[in-house]
Protein backbone atom coordinates (compact mmCIF):
# COMPACT_ATOMS: atom_id res chain seq x y z
CA UNK A 1 103.52 84.58 150.10
CA UNK A 2 106.49 86.51 151.60
CA UNK A 3 106.09 87.69 155.20
CA UNK A 4 106.17 91.32 154.11
CA UNK A 5 103.16 90.56 151.89
CA UNK A 6 101.33 88.58 154.59
CA UNK A 7 101.11 91.67 156.81
CA UNK A 8 99.48 93.62 153.98
CA UNK A 9 96.47 91.31 153.80
CA UNK A 10 93.90 90.73 156.56
CA UNK A 11 92.98 87.24 155.42
CA UNK A 12 94.43 84.02 156.83
CA UNK A 13 93.38 80.45 156.08
CA UNK A 14 91.78 80.01 159.52
CA UNK A 15 89.18 82.62 158.54
CA UNK A 16 87.83 80.54 155.64
CA UNK A 17 84.97 78.96 157.64
CA UNK A 18 85.59 75.71 155.74
CA UNK A 19 86.13 73.30 158.60
CA UNK A 20 83.69 71.16 160.54
CA UNK A 21 81.27 73.08 162.81
CA UNK A 22 82.62 76.40 161.54
CA UNK A 23 79.47 78.28 162.59
CA UNK A 24 80.61 77.82 166.20
CA UNK A 25 84.26 76.73 166.00
CA UNK A 26 86.24 79.61 164.53
CA UNK A 27 89.57 77.81 164.45
CA UNK A 28 91.64 74.91 165.76
CA UNK A 29 95.24 75.35 166.84
CA UNK A 30 97.98 72.92 167.82
CA UNK A 31 101.27 74.28 169.15
CA UNK A 32 104.32 72.43 170.40
CA UNK A 33 107.22 73.80 172.43
CA UNK A 34 110.70 72.60 171.57
CA UNK A 35 114.17 73.50 172.84
CA UNK A 36 117.62 72.73 171.50
CA UNK A 37 119.83 70.40 173.50
CA UNK A 38 122.78 71.99 175.30
CA UNK A 39 121.49 75.57 175.00
CA UNK A 40 119.90 77.42 177.96
CA UNK A 41 116.24 78.44 177.73
CA UNK A 42 115.61 81.82 176.01
CA UNK A 43 115.22 83.86 179.22
CA UNK A 44 118.82 82.90 180.13
CA UNK A 45 120.32 83.47 176.69
CA UNK A 46 122.57 86.30 175.65
CA UNK A 47 122.02 87.80 172.20
CA UNK A 48 124.88 85.82 170.63
CA UNK A 49 123.44 82.48 171.75
CA UNK A 50 119.93 83.53 170.73
CA UNK A 51 121.24 84.22 167.25
CA UNK A 52 122.76 80.73 167.21
CA UNK A 53 119.28 79.30 167.71
CA UNK A 54 117.96 81.41 164.82
CA UNK A 55 120.84 80.28 162.60
CA UNK A 56 120.24 76.63 163.49
CA UNK A 57 116.57 76.93 162.53
CA UNK A 58 117.45 78.71 159.29
CA UNK A 59 119.65 75.75 158.33
CA UNK A 60 116.90 73.33 159.35
CA UNK A 61 114.24 74.86 157.10
CA UNK A 62 116.71 74.96 154.22
CA UNK A 63 117.51 71.25 154.54
CA UNK A 64 116.70 69.62 151.21
CA UNK A 65 115.97 66.26 152.82
CA UNK A 66 113.22 67.84 154.93
CA UNK A 67 111.69 70.00 152.19
CA UNK A 68 108.76 67.66 151.54
CA UNK A 69 107.80 67.65 155.22
CA UNK A 70 108.34 71.36 155.87
CA UNK A 71 106.82 72.98 152.81
CA UNK A 72 107.61 76.57 151.82
CA UNK A 73 108.81 78.24 155.04
CA UNK A 74 110.33 81.72 155.33
CA UNK A 75 112.30 83.02 158.31
CA UNK A 76 112.37 86.70 159.20
CA UNK A 77 114.07 88.40 162.14
CA UNK A 78 111.46 90.15 164.25
CA UNK A 79 113.61 93.29 164.24
CA UNK A 80 113.26 93.46 160.43
CA UNK A 81 109.52 94.06 160.80
CA UNK A 82 108.05 97.41 161.83
CA UNK A 83 106.07 97.64 165.10
CA UNK A 84 102.90 97.84 163.00
CA UNK A 85 103.79 94.69 161.04
CA UNK A 86 104.58 92.81 164.22
CA UNK A 87 101.23 93.80 165.72
CA UNK A 88 99.38 92.64 162.61
CA UNK A 89 100.95 89.19 163.01
CA UNK A 90 99.56 89.15 166.57
CA UNK A 91 96.12 90.25 165.37
CA UNK A 92 96.12 87.44 162.80
CA UNK A 93 96.99 84.95 165.58
CA UNK A 94 100.29 84.03 163.91
CA UNK A 95 102.44 85.06 166.89
CA UNK A 96 101.65 85.72 170.56
CA UNK A 97 101.34 89.17 172.18
CA UNK A 98 104.15 88.22 174.60
CA UNK A 99 106.49 87.60 171.66
CA UNK A 100 106.65 91.35 171.01
CA UNK A 101 108.46 91.98 174.30
CA UNK A 102 112.23 92.44 173.83
CA UNK A 103 112.00 91.51 170.17
CA UNK A 104 115.77 91.64 169.51
CA UNK A 105 117.32 88.22 168.72
CA UNK A 106 113.92 86.75 167.94
CA UNK A 107 112.55 85.52 164.64
CA UNK A 108 109.32 84.30 163.08
CA UNK A 109 108.92 81.58 160.49
CA UNK A 110 105.76 81.44 158.36
CA UNK A 111 104.57 79.01 155.73
CA UNK A 112 103.29 80.79 152.65
CA UNK A 113 99.68 79.71 153.32
CA UNK A 114 99.89 81.02 156.94
CA UNK A 115 98.79 77.61 158.27
CA UNK A 116 102.15 77.06 159.99
CA UNK A 117 104.08 79.59 162.06
CA UNK A 118 107.10 79.24 164.32
CA UNK A 119 108.17 81.70 167.01
CA UNK A 120 111.91 81.54 167.66
CA UNK A 121 113.18 82.47 171.14
CA UNK A 122 109.85 83.17 172.75
CA UNK A 123 109.41 81.32 176.08
CA UNK A 124 111.05 78.31 174.39
CA UNK A 125 113.53 78.16 171.53
CA UNK A 126 110.75 77.07 169.18
CA UNK A 127 106.99 77.42 169.40
CA UNK A 128 105.62 75.57 166.34
CA UNK A 129 101.98 76.30 165.54
CA UNK A 130 99.37 75.07 163.08
CA UNK A 131 96.12 77.03 162.74
CA UNK A 132 93.15 75.72 160.73
CA UNK A 133 89.49 76.75 160.27
CA UNK A 134 86.71 74.91 162.11
CA UNK A 135 87.10 71.78 164.24
CA UNK A 136 90.27 70.34 162.67
CA UNK A 137 92.45 69.39 165.64
CA UNK A 138 93.55 66.02 164.26
CA UNK A 139 94.47 67.56 160.94
CA UNK A 140 96.41 70.31 162.74
CA UNK A 141 98.32 67.74 164.81
CA UNK A 142 99.21 65.75 161.68
CA UNK A 143 100.69 68.88 160.10
CA UNK A 144 102.64 69.74 163.26
CA UNK A 145 103.95 66.16 163.48
CA UNK A 146 105.35 66.40 159.94
CA UNK A 147 106.93 69.79 160.59
CA UNK A 148 108.45 68.48 163.82
CA UNK A 149 109.90 65.44 162.03
CA UNK A 150 111.32 67.66 159.30
CA UNK A 151 113.07 69.95 161.78
CA UNK A 152 114.47 67.00 163.72
CA UNK A 153 116.44 65.94 160.66
CA UNK A 154 118.76 68.83 161.51
CA UNK A 155 117.97 69.92 165.08
CA UNK A 156 118.78 68.05 168.29
CA UNK A 157 115.92 68.62 170.74
CA UNK A 158 116.23 68.70 174.52
CA UNK A 159 114.49 65.44 175.47
CA UNK A 160 114.32 63.18 178.53
CA UNK A 161 113.35 59.52 178.26
CA UNK A 162 111.57 59.91 181.60
CA UNK A 163 109.93 63.34 181.21
CA UNK A 164 109.62 63.87 177.47
CA UNK A 165 110.38 67.21 175.81
CA UNK A 166 112.02 69.68 178.20
CA UNK A 167 110.50 73.16 178.27
CA UNK A 168 111.05 76.49 179.97
CA UNK A 169 107.74 76.25 181.85
CA UNK A 170 107.25 73.01 183.83
CA UNK A 171 103.57 72.84 182.81
CA UNK A 172 104.63 72.20 179.20
CA UNK A 173 107.04 69.36 179.97
CA UNK A 174 106.10 66.06 178.33
CA UNK A 175 104.57 66.42 174.89
CA UNK A 176 105.14 70.19 174.96
CA UNK A 177 101.78 70.37 173.23
CA UNK A 178 98.96 72.89 173.61
CA UNK A 179 95.84 72.27 171.58
CA UNK A 180 93.04 74.82 171.51
CA UNK A 181 89.79 75.74 169.79
CA UNK A 182 88.30 79.20 169.39
CA UNK A 183 84.57 79.03 170.05
CA UNK A 184 81.72 81.50 169.48
CA UNK A 185 79.30 81.01 172.38
CA UNK A 186 76.60 83.71 172.36
CA UNK A 187 73.78 81.22 173.02
CA UNK A 188 75.26 80.01 176.28
CA UNK A 189 75.95 83.58 177.34
CA UNK A 190 72.45 84.86 176.55
CA UNK A 191 70.85 81.91 178.37
CA UNK A 192 73.19 82.47 181.35
CA UNK A 193 74.63 78.96 181.11
CA UNK A 194 78.13 80.01 180.09
CA UNK A 195 79.70 80.28 183.55
CA UNK A 196 78.50 76.81 184.51
CA UNK A 197 79.80 75.25 181.29
CA UNK A 198 83.20 76.92 181.48
CA UNK A 199 83.52 76.06 185.17
CA UNK A 200 82.76 72.41 184.39
CA UNK A 201 85.41 72.06 181.70
CA UNK A 202 88.04 73.29 184.15
CA UNK A 203 87.52 70.02 186.01
CA UNK A 204 88.41 68.12 182.82
CA UNK A 205 91.95 69.47 182.66
CA UNK A 206 91.07 72.28 180.28
CA UNK A 207 91.41 76.03 180.61
CA UNK A 208 89.51 78.99 179.15
CA UNK A 209 91.12 82.15 177.79
CA UNK A 210 90.09 85.19 175.80
CA UNK A 211 90.50 86.09 172.15
CA UNK A 212 94.31 86.49 172.25
CA UNK A 213 95.19 83.90 174.87
CA UNK A 214 96.16 84.22 178.50
CA UNK A 215 95.13 87.50 180.12
CA UNK A 216 93.10 88.72 177.14
CA UNK A 217 89.43 89.62 177.00
CA UNK A 218 86.70 87.38 175.57
CA UNK A 219 85.56 90.00 173.06
CA UNK A 220 82.66 89.12 170.78
CA UNK A 221 81.65 86.05 172.84
CA UNK A 222 84.82 84.29 171.64
CA UNK A 223 86.61 81.89 173.98
CA UNK A 224 89.76 79.78 173.65
CA UNK A 225 89.51 76.32 175.20
CA UNK A 226 92.82 74.48 175.60
CA UNK A 227 94.49 71.63 177.47
CA UNK A 228 96.38 72.28 180.70
CA UNK A 229 98.16 68.94 181.10
CA UNK A 230 101.04 67.88 178.81
CA UNK A 231 102.89 65.39 181.04
CA UNK A 232 101.73 61.78 181.13
CA UNK A 233 99.44 62.11 178.11
CA UNK A 234 100.12 61.39 174.46
CA UNK A 235 99.40 63.90 171.72
CA UNK A 236 96.45 61.73 170.67
CA UNK A 237 95.09 61.71 174.24
CA UNK A 238 95.26 65.50 174.42
CA UNK A 239 93.62 65.92 171.02
CA UNK A 240 90.85 63.40 171.66
CA UNK A 241 90.05 64.86 175.08
CA UNK A 242 89.74 68.37 173.67
CA UNK A 243 87.61 67.17 170.73
CA UNK A 244 85.29 65.28 173.09
CA UNK A 245 84.89 68.30 175.38
CA UNK A 246 84.42 70.65 172.42
CA UNK A 247 81.63 68.49 170.99
CA UNK A 248 79.85 68.61 174.35
CA UNK A 249 80.09 72.41 174.40
CA UNK A 250 78.91 72.56 170.79
CA UNK A 251 75.82 70.53 171.61
CA UNK A 252 75.04 72.81 174.55
CA UNK A 253 75.55 75.94 172.43
CA UNK A 254 73.32 74.56 169.67
CA UNK A 255 70.61 73.71 172.19
CA UNK A 256 70.87 77.18 173.72
CA UNK A 257 70.56 78.84 170.29
CA UNK A 258 67.55 76.70 169.42
CA UNK A 259 65.86 77.49 172.73
CA UNK A 260 66.48 81.20 172.27
CA UNK A 261 64.97 81.19 168.81
CA UNK A 262 61.98 79.10 169.80
CA UNK A 263 61.15 80.95 173.01
CA UNK A 264 62.32 84.49 172.18
CA UNK A 265 62.20 84.65 168.39
CA UNK A 266 61.17 88.28 168.06
CA UNK A 267 63.70 89.41 170.66
CA UNK A 268 66.55 87.51 168.96
CA UNK A 269 65.54 88.70 165.50
CA UNK A 270 65.37 92.27 166.78
CA UNK A 271 68.82 91.94 168.38
CA UNK A 272 70.32 90.56 165.16
CA UNK A 273 68.72 93.18 162.89
CA UNK A 274 69.72 95.99 165.25
CA UNK A 275 73.31 94.73 165.09
CA UNK A 276 73.18 94.56 161.30
CA UNK A 277 71.63 97.99 161.04
CA UNK A 278 74.14 99.56 163.39
CA UNK A 279 77.09 98.01 161.57
CA UNK A 280 75.69 99.07 158.20
CA UNK A 281 74.86 102.67 159.07
CA UNK A 282 76.81 103.75 162.18
CA UNK A 283 79.31 106.61 161.87
CA UNK A 284 81.27 105.92 165.07
CA UNK A 285 82.17 102.46 166.41
CA UNK A 286 84.51 101.42 169.22
CA UNK A 287 86.35 98.11 168.99
CA UNK A 288 84.41 96.59 171.89
CA UNK A 289 81.03 97.61 170.47
CA UNK A 290 81.96 96.35 167.02
CA UNK A 291 82.99 92.93 168.32
CA UNK A 292 79.69 92.66 170.21
CA UNK A 293 77.72 93.61 167.10
CA UNK A 294 79.66 91.16 164.92
CA UNK A 295 78.89 88.47 167.49
CA UNK A 296 75.16 89.20 167.24
CA UNK A 297 75.33 89.29 163.44
CA UNK A 298 77.25 86.00 163.35
CA UNK A 299 74.50 84.46 165.48
CA UNK A 300 71.92 85.79 163.03
CA UNK A 301 73.78 84.29 160.08
CA UNK A 302 73.98 80.89 161.84
CA UNK A 303 70.23 80.99 162.60
CA UNK A 304 69.41 82.04 159.00
CA UNK A 305 67.92 85.30 160.23
CA UNK A 306 70.32 87.20 157.95
CA UNK A 307 71.26 85.87 154.52
CA UNK A 308 73.97 86.80 152.04
CA UNK A 309 76.68 87.53 154.61
CA UNK A 310 79.42 84.91 154.89
CA UNK A 311 81.18 83.85 158.07
CA UNK A 312 84.47 84.39 156.24
CA UNK A 313 83.73 88.12 155.91
CA UNK A 314 82.94 88.39 159.62
CA UNK A 315 86.16 86.54 160.48
CA UNK A 316 88.18 88.94 158.34
CA UNK A 317 86.50 91.95 159.92
CA UNK A 318 87.75 90.85 163.34
CA UNK A 319 91.27 91.62 162.09
CA UNK A 320 90.49 94.60 159.86
CA UNK A 321 88.79 96.58 162.64
CA UNK A 322 91.72 96.41 165.05
CA UNK A 323 93.94 99.50 165.43
CA UNK A 324 96.98 98.03 163.65
CA UNK A 325 95.15 97.12 160.47
CA UNK A 326 93.17 100.35 160.44
CA UNK A 327 96.50 102.14 160.44
CA UNK A 328 97.81 99.85 157.70
CA UNK A 329 94.76 100.46 155.49
CA UNK A 330 94.59 104.21 156.08
CA UNK A 331 98.33 104.76 155.89
CA UNK A 332 98.24 107.27 158.72
CA UNK A 333 98.34 107.65 162.48
CA UNK A 334 94.93 108.11 164.05
CA UNK A 335 93.66 109.16 167.45
CA UNK A 336 91.12 106.81 169.12
CA UNK A 337 88.16 109.00 168.01
CA UNK A 338 89.49 109.06 164.44
CA UNK A 339 89.83 105.27 164.51
CA UNK A 340 86.22 104.92 165.60
CA UNK A 341 85.06 106.98 162.63
CA UNK A 342 87.36 105.13 160.21
CA UNK A 343 86.29 101.74 161.61
CA UNK A 344 82.62 102.55 161.04
CA UNK A 345 83.32 103.69 157.50
CA UNK A 346 85.29 100.54 156.74
CA UNK A 347 82.48 98.30 157.93
CA UNK A 348 79.86 100.25 155.96
CA UNK A 349 81.94 99.79 152.84
CA UNK A 350 82.38 96.06 153.45
CA UNK A 351 78.67 95.48 154.03
CA UNK A 352 77.62 97.63 151.09
CA UNK A 353 79.75 95.37 148.88
CA UNK A 354 77.76 92.28 149.91
CA UNK A 355 75.34 91.24 147.11
CA UNK A 356 71.73 91.77 148.18
């Protein structure tokens, strides 16, 4: 699917709720940072040199020898996209919010299934990402490894035998790899165990971020857990450590949900049905309130309190209700109050379409 078409649709593969433990694990992401040998890091590059990096990548993805490894990739200069289209790519987790800053001489590469994306001239020359539904970190790494091998048929990476891949930020030196999972943790929050769990995983070399990465809010009880250390560990070590830690958190979240339902069944059922009722009938909804209500409804679906509503629909709504996509759907500029009315109407329409 061409990039211009991708921004017209809210759905991405990571929303499919197909992967392992998808009731709690929204998505798995593996990203590697790569830089080209002999070229300064992006923050030191002039526009001409930045364009050289883009040109080199364009040639790499067109290399016939690498076609089987790379798949169907399309490169688009960021300046060729409208501000709205760029924001939608952020909302779909295909590029980072920071990538929008000084977007001249930057480019994005997307595979037609949206599983693979590459940011060109972000903090590093290349940020190669794979995003899959559920707990699929090993699968995501295997895809990244193939893409990396395909690009290396043409590109000469900055690499040190002693340090590994050289990156703009010292914390990424080594494998250049960041692996992360997006988790829905309402049980731990409601049982007031969340702070202790998140504090504990920090001692395991992991870090916790919000919905859109560093500096973002944890809206809708969604948290990104990722590795902090890239030097001195192999890609397999990083992946296995994150999987092991994620499984521990999953077990704690499941236990918390079970305890809530056993000890406070009527309260939890009331909370879930109130969320469903508000989403189905409200006339005004803020983004923050909507994310909280979707979180409660998602919990109700996982506990079989509510039937007929798929996790995929709730995942899609997380993108559809954001300002950029509301503007895309409506085709008009809206004030914040107008967005709140439009958001509520959109959700009513989506829920009314669910078979009873």
